[in-house]
Protein backbone atom coordinates (compact mmCIF):
# COMPACT_ATOMS: atom_id res chain seq x y z
CA UNK A 1 59.56 247.64 31.64
CA UNK A 2 58.00 246.49 28.52
CA UNK A 3 58.94 243.39 27.10
CA UNK A 4 60.60 245.21 24.09
CA UNK A 5 62.30 247.34 26.28
CA UNK A 6 63.66 244.41 28.08
CA UNK A 7 64.45 242.64 25.04
CA UNK A 8 66.49 245.46 23.86
CA UNK A 9 68.19 245.56 27.38
CA UNK A 10 69.01 241.96 26.85
CA UNK A 11 70.65 242.48 23.35
CA UNK A 12 72.68 245.43 24.58
CA UNK A 13 74.19 243.17 27.21
CA UNK A 14 74.60 240.33 25.11
CA UNK A 15 76.76 242.75 22.65
CA UNK A 16 78.57 243.55 25.76
CA UNK A 17 79.72 240.00 26.74
CA UNK A 18 80.23 239.26 23.18
CA UNK A 19 82.64 241.52 22.51
CA UNK A 20 84.28 240.99 26.11
CA UNK A 21 84.12 237.38 25.56
CA UNK A 22 86.50 238.31 22.09
CA UNK A 23 88.56 240.62 24.23
CA UNK A 24 89.51 237.10 26.21
CA UNK A 25 89.48 235.40 23.35
CA UNK A 26 92.13 237.86 21.90
CA UNK A 27 94.24 237.56 25.64
CA UNK A 28 94.08 233.75 25.71
CA UNK A 29 95.73 233.73 22.20
CA UNK A 30 98.61 236.12 23.05
CA UNK A 31 98.90 234.13 26.53
CA UNK A 32 99.50 230.70 24.07
CA UNK A 33 102.10 232.54 22.01
CA UNK A 34 103.95 234.11 24.63
CA UNK A 35 103.87 230.12 26.14
CA UNK A 36 105.07 228.87 22.95
CA UNK A 37 107.75 231.98 22.64
CA UNK A 38 109.32 231.12 26.36
CA UNK A 39 109.03 227.28 25.87
CA UNK A 40 110.97 227.83 22.46
CA UNK A 41 113.34 230.09 24.05
CA UNK A 42 113.68 227.79 26.88
CA UNK A 43 114.36 224.76 24.80
CA UNK A 44 117.21 226.73 22.90
CA UNK A 45 118.58 227.74 26.53
CA UNK A 46 118.76 223.72 27.34
CA UNK A 47 120.95 223.31 24.67
CA UNK A 48 123.26 225.87 24.96
CA UNK A 49 123.76 224.26 28.58
CA UNK A 50 124.37 221.43 27.59
CA UNK A 51 126.78 222.59 25.10
CA UNK A 52 128.55 224.95 27.71
CA UNK A 53 128.71 221.82 30.31
CA UNK A 54 130.12 219.14 27.41
CA UNK A 55 132.89 222.37 26.84
CA UNK A 56 133.59 222.79 30.65
CA UNK A 57 134.14 218.72 30.97
CA UNK A 58 136.40 219.27 28.14
CA UNK A 59 137.98 222.04 29.55
CA UNK A 60 138.68 220.02 32.73
CA UNK A 61 140.19 217.51 31.18
CA UNK A 62 142.54 219.47 29.29
CA UNK A 63 143.35 221.32 32.10
CA UNK A 64 144.36 218.14 34.54
CA UNK A 65 146.56 216.99 31.83
CA UNK A 66 148.49 220.09 32.13
CA UNK A 67 148.50 220.21 35.48
CA UNK A 68 150.17 216.82 35.08
CA UNK A 69 152.54 217.81 32.81
CA UNK A 70 153.70 220.80 35.36
CA UNK A 71 153.85 218.59 37.81
CA UNK A 72 156.62 216.53 35.98
CA UNK A 73 158.19 219.38 34.31
CA UNK A 74 158.75 220.74 38.32
CA UNK A 75 159.89 217.47 39.22
CA UNK A 76 162.40 217.66 36.51
CA UNK A 77 163.22 221.10 37.05
CA UNK A 78 164.39 219.93 40.60
CA UNK A 79 166.24 217.09 40.02
CA UNK A 80 170.45 217.79 40.53
CA UNK A 81 173.22 215.70 41.32
CA UNK A 82 172.00 215.64 45.24
CA UNK A 83 168.86 214.11 44.53
CA UNK A 84 169.10 211.89 41.63
CA UNK A 85 171.29 209.87 39.85
CA UNK A 86 172.13 212.85 37.25
CA UNK A 87 175.72 213.74 36.94
CA UNK A 88 177.17 216.82 39.26
CA UNK A 89 177.78 218.43 35.20
CA UNK A 90 173.88 218.04 34.96
CA UNK A 91 173.35 220.78 37.91
CA UNK A 92 171.99 223.65 36.94
CA UNK A 93 173.57 226.45 39.24
CA UNK A 94 171.72 229.24 37.34
CA UNK A 95 168.62 230.04 35.40
CA UNK A 96 169.13 231.72 32.14
CA UNK A 97 167.20 234.80 33.04
CA UNK A 98 169.81 234.75 35.56
CA UNK A 99 172.73 234.15 33.07
CA UNK A 100 170.98 236.92 30.66
CA UNK A 101 171.38 239.41 33.20
CA UNK A 102 175.11 238.62 34.23
CA UNK A 103 175.83 238.76 30.49
CA UNK A 104 175.15 242.87 30.66
């Protein structure tokens, strides 16, 4: 092979390698963009999780308060003249629903 042929072959190989490098650079740029998109999505997900964690904590507090209120009301409802200092006239003999059913 002559030097000119060898030089021409090296130039052709260089062109192929340059094209491959250009393709790899494009792939790398796409990977960087995808990475940036994923990072932004992750940040948004973390913000959403933090918001929902705060909301859950708030709702748990409300649930606790409501459970205490229910217990208090149930204790009040269960009192009558037999188990408290309430007068017998405060005893409830039937629920309002039972009263309504009897009227018919």
